[in-house]
């Protein structure tokens, strides 16, 4: 699998740019006091840590202050899209009506941008070349939806569109994992697992997971030290507190920064070129 420079740049544009956002994730979304958040906050209410310039006042100490959930969130660039394009740089403090509309649009935009992330990655995979035309058409269609006016965005049937996107992503996954089977062989460490499986706390140290279908799997607190996850489908995998120290995730597909941020790792963890090791590693 090869991700060219153009793809890396395209994916970079789908990463959160907090400097050009009205702090939407800090206002529009609710959170509940838990291991991830120190306090309760209602949807549409600004977090008490949000400054007047829309920057987080405790950004460098979020984990220490009990706001781990903030450090693993990624809007896929939806925040700056809603702030600067959908609402033409009019921030939510201008009126309550505008604020309510913006807060309703933001989570829909996040879903659309997440789909753009996956489709962009799928287009970069040579194994999926036979469906690149369909992927490109779906990418263009999704991008056009993100450019609609607020009223039209609120009327979208996002679930139906996601289903259409997922058909192509599943096909992409099959093509990539079929390629992986050519060299995986019958490794003694080979794990026979599949999508949606519950592996919370599982001991998978050194496991051969190349080309595995792990879509939606629960790997919370799993031991994945030195595991081989190359060419594995990791879309929707819950990696919270999973130990990825020394694991190889290069060439894995549909992995996001938010998933990596929720896990543990070290300087020996190998990541796809579009992702970076979080500061807490």
C-alpha atoms as a PDB file:
ATOM      1  CA  UNK A   1       0.000   0.000   0.000  1.00  0.00           C
ATOM      2  CA  UNK A   2       1.290   3.431  -0.917  1.00  0.00           C
ATOM      3  CA  UNK A   3       0.067   6.782   0.318  1.00  0.00           C
ATOM      4  CA  UNK A   4       1.468   9.506  -1.945  1.00  0.00           C
ATOM      5  CA  UNK A   5       2.263  13.054  -0.917  1.00  0.00           C
ATOM      6  CA  UNK A   6      -0.993  14.402  -2.390  1.00  0.00           C
ATOM      7  CA  UNK A   7      -2.988  12.005  -0.225  1.00  0.00           C
ATOM      8  CA  UNK A   8      -1.053  12.973   2.879  1.00  0.00           C
ATOM      9  CA  UNK A   9      -1.800  16.641   2.171  1.00  0.00           C
ATOM     10  CA  UNK A  10      -5.483  15.922   1.549  1.00  0.00           C
ATOM     11  CA  UNK A  11      -5.770  13.998   4.802  1.00  0.00           C
ATOM     12  CA  UNK A  12      -3.934  16.786   6.623  1.00  0.00           C
ATOM     13  CA  UNK A  13      -6.703  19.166   5.546  1.00  0.00           C
ATOM     14  CA  UNK A  14      -9.154  16.881   7.355  1.00  0.00           C
ATOM     15  CA  UNK A  15      -7.466  17.342  10.700  1.00  0.00           C
ATOM     16  CA  UNK A  16      -8.707  19.728  13.360  1.00  0.00           C
ATOM     17  CA  UNK A  17      -7.379  23.289  13.096  1.00  0.00           C
ATOM     18  CA  UNK A  18      -8.372  24.748  16.455  1.00  0.00           C
ATOM     19  CA  UNK A  19      -6.799  28.100  15.632  1.00  0.00           C
ATOM     20  CA  UNK A  20      -9.460  28.605  12.953  1.00  0.00           C
ATOM     21  CA  UNK A  21     -12.507  27.338  14.825  1.00  0.00           C
ATOM     22  CA  UNK A  22     -14.956  28.938  17.237  1.00  0.00           C
ATOM     23  CA  UNK A  23     -14.291  26.279  19.867  1.00  0.00           C
ATOM     24  CA  UNK A  24     -17.286  24.285  18.678  1.00  0.00           C
ATOM     25  CA  UNK A  25     -16.317  21.003  20.319  1.00  0.00           C
ATOM     26  CA  UNK A  26     -16.001  22.906  23.610  1.00  0.00           C
ATOM     27  CA  UNK A  27     -19.527  24.293  23.324  1.00  0.00           C
ATOM     28  CA  UNK A  28     -21.784  22.256  21.045  1.00  0.00           C
ATOM     29  CA  UNK A  29     -21.091  18.818  22.534  1.00  0.00           C
ATOM     30  CA  UNK A  30     -22.153  17.526  25.969  1.00  0.00           C
ATOM     31  CA  UNK A  31     -20.037  15.473  28.347  1.00  0.00           C
ATOM     32  CA  UNK A  32     -20.653  13.656  31.595  1.00  0.00           C
ATOM     33  CA  UNK A  33     -18.494  13.486  34.702  1.00  0.00           C
ATOM     34  CA  UNK A  34     -16.503  10.284  34.324  1.00  0.00           C
ATOM     35  CA  UNK A  35     -12.978   8.965  33.902  1.00  0.00           C
ATOM     36  CA  UNK A  36     -12.840  11.088  30.732  1.00  0.00           C
ATOM     37  CA  UNK A  37     -14.300  14.344  32.056  1.00  0.00           C
ATOM     38  CA  UNK A  38     -13.972  16.031  35.440  1.00  0.00           C
ATOM     39  CA  UNK A  39     -17.430  17.665  35.326  1.00  0.00           C
ATOM     40  CA  UNK A  40     -20.792  17.533  33.576  1.00  0.00           C
ATOM     41  CA  UNK A  41     -21.510  19.887  30.674  1.00  0.00           C
ATOM     42  CA  UNK A  42     -24.724  20.295  28.700  1.00  0.00           C
ATOM     43  CA  UNK A  43     -24.785  20.560  24.905  1.00  0.00           C
ATOM     44  CA  UNK A  44     -24.676  24.201  23.817  1.00  0.00           C
ATOM     45  CA  UNK A  45     -23.045  25.364  27.031  1.00  0.00           C
ATOM     46  CA  UNK A  46     -19.431  26.602  26.821  1.00  0.00           C
ATOM     47  CA  UNK A  47     -16.893  24.599  28.795  1.00  0.00           C
ATOM     48  CA  UNK A  48     -15.645  26.629  31.750  1.00  0.00           C
ATOM     49  CA  UNK A  49     -12.099  26.180  30.408  1.00  0.00           C
ATOM     50  CA  UNK A  50     -12.897  27.928  27.106  1.00  0.00           C
ATOM     51  CA  UNK A  51     -11.321  31.383  26.808  1.00  0.00           C
ATOM     52  CA  UNK A  52     -12.821  34.377  25.018  1.00  0.00           C
ATOM     53  CA  UNK A  53     -10.456  33.781  22.076  1.00  0.00           C
ATOM     54  CA  UNK A  54     -11.928  30.250  21.685  1.00  0.00           C
ATOM     55  CA  UNK A  55      -8.763  28.618  23.000  1.00  0.00           C
ATOM     56  CA  UNK A  56      -8.655  26.109  25.842  1.00  0.00           C
ATOM     57  CA  UNK A  57      -7.247  27.677  28.992  1.00  0.00           C
ATOM     58  CA  UNK A  58      -5.876  24.352  30.266  1.00  0.00           C
ATOM     59  CA  UNK A  59      -4.884  22.727  26.981  1.00  0.00           C
ATOM     60  CA  UNK A  60      -1.463  21.573  28.199  1.00  0.00           C
ATOM     61  CA  UNK A  61      -2.879  20.050  31.397  1.00  0.00           C
ATOM     62  CA  UNK A  62      -6.099  18.429  30.214  1.00  0.00           C
ATOM     63  CA  UNK A  63      -5.199  14.899  31.270  1.00  0.00           C
ATOM     64  CA  UNK A  64      -3.898  15.964  34.663  1.00  0.00           C
ATOM     65  CA  UNK A  65      -7.108  17.921  35.326  1.00  0.00           C
ATOM     66  CA  UNK A  66      -9.396  15.042  34.414  1.00  0.00           C
ATOM     67  CA  UNK A  67     -10.288  15.971  30.826  1.00  0.00           C
ATOM     68  CA  UNK A  68      -8.744  13.014  29.018  1.00  0.00           C
ATOM     69  CA  UNK A  69     -11.791  12.883  26.752  1.00  0.00           C
ATOM     70  CA  UNK A  70     -10.814  16.210  25.199  1.00  0.00           C
ATOM     71  CA  UNK A  71      -7.384  14.889  24.237  1.00  0.00           C
ATOM     72  CA  UNK A  72      -8.791  12.000  22.206  1.00  0.00           C
ATOM     73  CA  UNK A  73     -11.432  13.978  20.284  1.00  0.00           C
ATOM     74  CA  UNK A  74     -10.947  14.745  16.593  1.00  0.00           C
ATOM     75  CA  UNK A  75     -13.528  16.610  14.500  1.00  0.00           C
ATOM     76  CA  UNK A  76     -11.754  15.701  11.218  1.00  0.00           C
ATOM     77  CA  UNK A  77     -11.629  19.398  10.319  1.00  0.00           C
ATOM     78  CA  UNK A  78     -15.380  19.915  10.707  1.00  0.00           C
ATOM     79  CA  UNK A  79     -14.883  22.717  13.210  1.00  0.00           C
ATOM     80  CA  UNK A  80     -13.056  25.039  10.867  1.00  0.00           C
ATOM     81  CA  UNK A  81     -15.408  24.141   7.982  1.00  0.00           C
ATOM     82  CA  UNK A  82     -18.508  25.092   9.998  1.00  0.00           C
ATOM     83  CA  UNK A  83     -16.871  28.209  11.442  1.00  0.00           C
ATOM     84  CA  UNK A  84     -15.343  29.639   8.288  1.00  0.00           C
ATOM     85  CA  UNK A  85     -17.399  28.317   5.389  1.00  0.00           C
ATOM     86  CA  UNK A  86     -20.842  27.147   6.505  1.00  0.00           C
ATOM     87  CA  UNK A  87     -21.354  30.212   8.721  1.00  0.00           C
ATOM     88  CA  UNK A  88     -18.956  32.546   6.904  1.00  0.00           C
ATOM     89  CA  UNK A  89     -16.933  33.408  10.026  1.00  0.00           C
ATOM     90  CA  UNK A  90     -19.989  34.498  12.052  1.00  0.00           C
ATOM     91  CA  UNK A  91     -19.415  33.043  15.503  1.00  0.00           C
ATOM     92  CA  UNK A  92     -22.068  31.593  17.800  1.00  0.00           C
ATOM     93  CA  UNK A  93     -21.894  34.514  20.229  1.00  0.00           C
ATOM     94  CA  UNK A  94     -23.667  36.798  17.733  1.00  0.00           C
ATOM     95  CA  UNK A  95     -27.145  35.411  18.438  1.00  0.00           C
ATOM     96  CA  UNK A  96     -28.837  32.512  20.176  1.00  0.00           C
ATOM     97  CA  UNK A  97     -30.586  31.415  16.959  1.00  0.00           C
ATOM     98  CA  UNK A  98     -27.306  31.293  15.055  1.00  0.00           C
ATOM     99  CA  UNK A  99     -25.677  29.466  17.950  1.00  0.00           C
ATOM    100  CA  UNK A 100     -28.346  26.758  18.102  1.00  0.00           C
ATOM    101  CA  UNK A 101     -28.173  26.221  14.354  1.00  0.00           C
ATOM    102  CA  UNK A 102     -24.367  26.062  14.371  1.00  0.00           C
ATOM    103  CA  UNK A 103     -24.348  23.583  17.236  1.00  0.00           C
ATOM    104  CA  UNK A 104     -26.811  21.343  15.364  1.00  0.00           C
ATOM    105  CA  UNK A 105     -24.801  21.520  12.135  1.00  0.00           C
ATOM    106  CA  UNK A 106     -21.443  20.727  13.757  1.00  0.00           C
ATOM    107  CA  UNK A 107     -22.017  17.010  14.621  1.00  0.00           C
ATOM    108  CA  UNK A 108     -23.457  16.395  11.143  1.00  0.00           C
ATOM    109  CA  UNK A 109     -20.414  18.018   9.559  1.00  0.00           C
ATOM    110  CA  UNK A 110     -18.152  15.901  11.736  1.00  0.00           C
ATOM    111  CA  UNK A 111     -19.768  12.752  10.358  1.00  0.00           C
ATOM    112  CA  UNK A 112     -19.355  13.961   6.778  1.00  0.00           C
ATOM    113  CA  UNK A 113     -15.708  14.872   7.339  1.00  0.00           C
ATOM    114  CA  UNK A 114     -15.038  11.490   8.913  1.00  0.00           C
ATOM    115  CA  UNK A 115     -16.393   9.894   5.745  1.00  0.00           C
ATOM    116  CA  UNK A 116     -14.134  12.169   3.687  1.00  0.00           C
ATOM    117  CA  UNK A 117     -11.159  10.926   5.716  1.00  0.00           C
ATOM    118  CA  UNK A 118     -11.936   7.268   4.999  1.00  0.00           C
ATOM    119  CA  UNK A 119     -12.711   7.846   1.320  1.00  0.00           C
ATOM    120  CA  UNK A 120      -9.514   9.838   0.832  1.00  0.00           C
ATOM    121  CA  UNK A 121      -7.500   7.028   2.372  1.00  0.00           C
ATOM    122  CA  UNK A 122      -9.300   4.411   0.268  1.00  0.00           C
ATOM    123  CA  UNK A 123      -8.393   6.351  -2.887  1.00  0.00           C
ATOM    124  CA  UNK A 124      -4.724   6.191  -1.904  1.00  0.00           C
ATOM    125  CA  UNK A 125      -4.656   2.385  -1.811  1.00  0.00           C
ATOM    126  CA  UNK A 126      -3.423   0.698  -4.975  1.00  0.00           C
ATOM    127  CA  UNK A 127      -5.170  -2.525  -3.950  1.00  0.00           C
ATOM    128  CA  UNK A 128      -8.489  -0.707  -4.405  1.00  0.00           C
ATOM    129  CA  UNK A 129      -7.639   0.700  -7.831  1.00  0.00           C
ATOM    130  CA  UNK A 130     -10.482  -1.152  -9.542  1.00  0.00           C
ATOM    131  CA  UNK A 131     -13.024   0.883  -7.550  1.00  0.00           C
ATOM    132  CA  UNK A 132     -11.154   4.202  -7.528  1.00  0.00           C
ATOM    133  CA  UNK A 133     -13.702   5.714  -9.928  1.00  0.00           C
ATOM    134  CA  UNK A 134     -16.564   4.897  -7.565  1.00  0.00           C
ATOM    135  CA  UNK A 135     -14.568   6.123  -4.585  1.00  0.00           C
ATOM    136  CA  UNK A 136     -13.778   9.413  -6.338  1.00  0.00           C
ATOM    137  CA  UNK A 137     -17.439   9.962  -7.212  1.00  0.00           C
ATOM    138  CA  UNK A 138     -18.489   9.290  -3.621  1.00  0.00           C
ATOM    139  CA  UNK A 139     -15.753  11.577  -2.301  1.00  0.00           C
ATOM    140  CA  UNK A 140     -16.933  14.395  -4.577  1.00  0.00           C
ATOM    141  CA  UNK A 141     -20.548  13.790  -3.577  1.00  0.00           C
ATOM    142  CA  UNK A 142     -19.666  13.916   0.113  1.00  0.00           C
ATOM    143  CA  UNK A 143     -17.585  17.061  -0.298  1.00  0.00           C
ATOM    144  CA  UNK A 144     -20.530  18.792  -2.016  1.00  0.00           C
ATOM    145  CA  UNK A 145     -22.735  17.933   0.962  1.00  0.00           C
ATOM    146  CA  UNK A 146     -20.289  19.690   3.293  1.00  0.00           C
ATOM    147  CA  UNK A 147     -20.649  22.878   1.222  1.00  0.00           C
ATOM    148  CA  UNK A 148     -24.430  23.122   1.555  1.00  0.00           C
ATOM    149  CA  UNK A 149     -26.044  25.924   3.529  1.00  0.00           C
ATOM    150  CA  UNK A 150     -26.936  25.254   7.194  1.00  0.00           C
ATOM    151  CA  UNK A 151     -30.625  24.610   6.495  1.00  0.00           C
ATOM    152  CA  UNK A 152     -29.822  22.002   3.849  1.00  0.00           C
ATOM    153  CA  UNK A 153     -27.227  20.285   6.026  1.00  0.00           C
ATOM    154  CA  UNK A 154     -29.768  19.903   8.812  1.00  0.00           C
ATOM    155  CA  UNK A 155     -32.141  18.166   6.384  1.00  0.00           C
ATOM    156  CA  UNK A 156     -29.589  15.592   5.196  1.00  0.00           C
ATOM    157  CA  UNK A 157     -30.208  11.871   5.620  1.00  0.00           C
ATOM    158  CA  UNK A 158     -26.704  11.220   6.875  1.00  0.00           C
ATOM    159  CA  UNK A 159     -27.347   7.603   7.796  1.00  0.00           C
ATOM    160  CA  UNK A 160     -28.378   6.694   4.252  1.00  0.00           C
ATOM    161  CA  UNK A 161     -25.319   8.443   2.844  1.00  0.00           C
ATOM    162  CA  UNK A 162     -23.072   6.687   5.365  1.00  0.00           C
ATOM    163  CA  UNK A 163     -24.511   3.352   4.249  1.00  0.00           C
ATOM    164  CA  UNK A 164     -23.571   4.150   0.644  1.00  0.00           C
ATOM    165  CA  UNK A 165     -20.062   5.135   1.704  1.00  0.00           C
ATOM    166  CA  UNK A 166     -19.652   2.049   3.856  1.00  0.00           C
ATOM    167  CA  UNK A 167     -20.388  -0.258   0.918  1.00  0.00           C
ATOM    168  CA  UNK A 168     -17.315   1.141  -0.827  1.00  0.00           C
ATOM    169  CA  UNK A 169     -15.203   1.057   2.317  1.00  0.00           C
ATOM    170  CA  UNK A 170     -16.088  -2.591   2.886  1.00  0.00           C
ATOM    171  CA  UNK A 171     -15.099  -3.393  -0.691  1.00  0.00           C
ATOM    172  CA  UNK A 172     -11.828  -1.516  -0.178  1.00  0.00           C
ATOM    173  CA  UNK A 173     -11.175  -3.508   2.993  1.00  0.00           C
ATOM    174  CA  UNK A 174     -11.759  -6.798   1.199  1.00  0.00           C
ATOM    175  CA  UNK A 175      -9.363  -5.879  -1.602  1.00  0.00           C
ATOM    176  CA  UNK A 176      -6.602  -4.840   0.812  1.00  0.00           C
ATOM    177  CA  UNK A 177      -7.001  -7.841   3.082  1.00  0.00           C
ATOM    178  CA  UNK A 178      -7.098 -10.244   0.134  1.00  0.00           C
ATOM    179  CA  UNK A 179      -3.709  -8.856  -0.823  1.00  0.00           C
ATOM    180  CA  UNK A 180      -2.478  -9.460   2.721  1.00  0.00           C
ATOM    181  CA  UNK A 181      -3.422 -13.133   2.579  1.00  0.00           C
ATOM    182  CA  UNK A 182      -0.762 -13.710  -0.081  1.00  0.00           C
ATOM    183  CA  UNK A 183       2.025 -13.410   2.448  1.00  0.00           C
ATOM    184  CA  UNK A 184       0.412 -13.992   5.838  1.00  0.00           C
ATOM    185  CA  UNK A 185       0.612 -17.764   5.574  1.00  0.00           C
ATOM    186  CA  UNK A 186      -0.001 -20.020   8.576  1.00  0.00           C
ATOM    187  CA  UNK A 187       1.894 -18.207  11.288  1.00  0.00           C
ATOM    188  CA  UNK A 188       1.696 -19.917  14.668  1.00  0.00           C
ATOM    189  CA  UNK A 189       0.861 -16.571  16.172  1.00  0.00           C
ATOM    190  CA  UNK A 190      -1.931 -15.963  13.669  1.00  0.00           C
ATOM    191  CA  UNK A 191      -5.130 -14.882  15.437  1.00  0.00           C
ATOM    192  CA  UNK A 192      -8.447 -15.924  13.895  1.00  0.00           C
ATOM    193  CA  UNK A 193     -10.679 -13.013  14.896  1.00  0.00           C
ATOM    194  CA  UNK A 194     -13.275 -10.901  13.120  1.00  0.00           C
ATOM    195  CA  UNK A 195     -15.312  -7.695  13.086  1.00  0.00           C
ATOM    196  CA  UNK A 196     -17.091  -6.504  16.188  1.00  0.00           C
ATOM    197  CA  UNK A 197     -15.355  -9.039  18.440  1.00  0.00           C
ATOM    198  CA  UNK A 198     -15.055  -8.305  22.172  1.00  0.00           C
ATOM    199  CA  UNK A 199     -11.369  -8.437  23.108  1.00  0.00           C
ATOM    200  CA  UNK A 200     -11.447  -6.151  26.121  1.00  0.00           C
ATOM    201  CA  UNK A 201      -8.339  -6.776  28.198  1.00  0.00           C
ATOM    202  CA  UNK A 202      -7.210  -9.583  25.875  1.00  0.00           C
ATOM    203  CA  UNK A 203      -3.597 -10.745  25.834  1.00  0.00           C
ATOM    204  CA  UNK A 204      -2.578 -10.244  22.204  1.00  0.00           C
ATOM    205  CA  UNK A 205       1.076  -9.526  22.815  1.00  0.00           C
ATOM    206  CA  UNK A 206       3.051 -10.338  19.682  1.00  0.00           C
ATOM    207  CA  UNK A 207      -0.095 -11.459  17.851  1.00  0.00           C
ATOM    208  CA  UNK A 208      -0.083 -11.725  14.071  1.00  0.00           C
ATOM    209  CA  UNK A 209      -3.109  -9.631  13.059  1.00  0.00           C
ATOM    210  CA  UNK A 210      -2.018  -8.843   9.519  1.00  0.00           C
ATOM    211  CA  UNK A 211      -4.991  -8.416   7.228  1.00  0.00           C
ATOM    212  CA  UNK A 212      -7.474  -9.025  10.058  1.00  0.00           C
ATOM    213  CA  UNK A 213     -11.004  -7.660   9.901  1.00  0.00           C
ATOM    214  CA  UNK A 214     -11.270  -5.833  13.218  1.00  0.00           C
ATOM    215  CA  UNK A 215     -14.023  -3.413  12.224  1.00  0.00           C
ATOM    216  CA  UNK A 216     -15.792  -2.230  15.375  1.00  0.00           C
ATOM    217  CA  UNK A 217     -13.801  -4.531  17.669  1.00  0.00           C
ATOM    218  CA  UNK A 218     -13.538  -3.786  21.391  1.00  0.00           C
ATOM    219  CA  UNK A 219      -9.859  -3.732  22.292  1.00  0.00           C
ATOM    220  CA  UNK A 220     -10.192  -1.651  25.453  1.00  0.00           C
ATOM    221  CA  UNK A 221      -7.144  -2.196  27.695  1.00  0.00           C
ATOM    222  CA  UNK A 222      -5.949  -5.059  25.462  1.00  0.00           C
ATOM    223  CA  UNK A 223      -2.266  -5.984  25.474  1.00  0.00           C
ATOM    224  CA  UNK A 224      -1.126  -5.434  21.880  1.00  0.00           C
ATOM    225  CA  UNK A 225       2.544  -4.955  22.604  1.00  0.00           C
ATOM    226  CA  UNK A 226       4.620  -5.864  19.536  1.00  0.00           C
ATOM    227  CA  UNK A 227       1.491  -7.034  17.698  1.00  0.00           C
ATOM    228  CA  UNK A 228       1.543  -6.935  13.890  1.00  0.00           C
ATOM    229  CA  UNK A 229      -1.483  -5.003  12.607  1.00  0.00           C
ATOM    230  CA  UNK A 230      -0.284  -4.301   9.096  1.00  0.00           C
ATOM    231  CA  UNK A 231      -3.074  -4.236   6.477  1.00  0.00           C
ATOM    232  CA  UNK A 232      -5.679  -4.823   9.198  1.00  0.00           C
ATOM    233  CA  UNK A 233      -9.028  -3.019   8.909  1.00  0.00           C
ATOM    234  CA  UNK A 234      -9.258  -0.902  12.070  1.00  0.00           C
ATOM    235  CA  UNK A 235     -12.302   1.222  11.339  1.00  0.00           C
ATOM    236  CA  UNK A 236     -14.239   1.900  14.539  1.00  0.00           C
ATOM    237  CA  UNK A 237     -11.925  -0.155  16.765  1.00  0.00           C
ATOM    238  CA  UNK A 238     -12.073   0.930  20.410  1.00  0.00           C
ATOM    239  CA  UNK A 239      -8.417   1.232  21.458  1.00  0.00           C
ATOM    240  CA  UNK A 240      -9.037   3.008  24.772  1.00  0.00           C
ATOM    241  CA  UNK A 241      -6.099   2.232  27.087  1.00  0.00           C
ATOM    242  CA  UNK A 242      -4.914  -0.569  24.783  1.00  0.00           C
ATOM    243  CA  UNK A 243      -1.129  -0.984  24.933  1.00  0.00           C
ATOM    244  CA  UNK A 244       0.339  -0.555  21.455  1.00  0.00           C
ATOM    245  CA  UNK A 245       3.953  -0.356  22.611  1.00  0.00           C
ATOM    246  CA  UNK A 246       6.173  -1.731  19.870  1.00  0.00           C
ATOM    247  CA  UNK A 247       3.179  -2.631  17.698  1.00  0.00           C
ATOM    248  CA  UNK A 248       3.352  -2.240  13.929  1.00  0.00           C
ATOM    249  CA  UNK A 249       0.334  -0.401  12.482  1.00  0.00           C
ATOM    250  CA  UNK A 250       1.986   0.716   9.249  1.00  0.00           C
ATOM    251  CA  UNK A 251      -0.234  -0.125   6.320  1.00  0.00           C
ATOM    252  CA  UNK A 252      -3.278  -0.637   8.543  1.00  0.00           C
ATOM    253  CA  UNK A 253      -6.409   0.904   7.047  1.00  0.00           C
ATOM    254  CA  UNK A 254      -9.032   3.335   8.331  1.00  0.00           C
ATOM    255  CA  UNK A 255      -7.158   4.141  11.532  1.00  0.00           C
ATOM    256  CA  UNK A 256      -7.714   7.655  12.912  1.00  0.00           C
ATOM    257  CA  UNK A 257      -5.792   9.996  15.168  1.00  0.00           C
ATOM    258  CA  UNK A 258      -8.548   9.842  17.779  1.00  0.00           C
ATOM    259  CA  UNK A 259      -8.099   6.074  18.078  1.00  0.00           C
ATOM    260  CA  UNK A 260      -4.360   6.454  18.511  1.00  0.00           C
ATOM    261  CA  UNK A 261      -4.816   9.234  21.066  1.00  0.00           C
ATOM    262  CA  UNK A 262      -6.982   6.956  23.203  1.00  0.00           C
ATOM    263  CA  UNK A 263      -4.348   4.215  23.353  1.00  0.00           C
ATOM    264  CA  UNK A 264      -0.991   3.739  25.046  1.00  0.00           C
ATOM    265  CA  UNK A 265       2.228   3.414  23.083  1.00  0.00           C
ATOM    266  CA  UNK A 266       5.920   4.215  22.975  1.00  0.00           C
ATOM    267  CA  UNK A 267       8.663   5.332  20.617  1.00  0.00           C
ATOM    268  CA  UNK A 268       8.769   1.825  19.127  1.00  0.00           C
ATOM    269  CA  UNK A 269       5.138   1.945  17.979  1.00  0.00           C
ATOM    270  CA  UNK A 270       4.983   2.190  14.182  1.00  0.00           C
ATOM    271  CA  UNK A 271       2.145   4.325  12.814  1.00  0.00           C
ATOM    272  CA  UNK A 272       0.818   5.166   9.338  1.00  0.00           C
ATOM    273  CA  UNK A 273       2.478   8.262   7.849  1.00  0.00           C
ATOM    274  CA  UNK A 274      -0.720  10.310   8.211  1.00  0.00           C
ATOM    275  CA  UNK A 275      -0.838   9.916  12.007  1.00  0.00           C
ATOM    276  CA  UNK A 276       1.423  11.091  14.823  1.00  0.00           C
ATOM    277  CA  UNK A 277       2.297   9.739  18.241  1.00  0.00           C
ATOM    278  CA  UNK A 278       0.367  11.641  20.941  1.00  0.00           C
ATOM    279  CA  UNK A 279       2.208  13.651  23.569  1.00  0.00           C
ATOM    280  CA  UNK A 280       1.191  11.352  26.443  1.00  0.00           C
ATOM    281  CA  UNK A 281       3.175   8.441  24.938  1.00  0.00           C
END
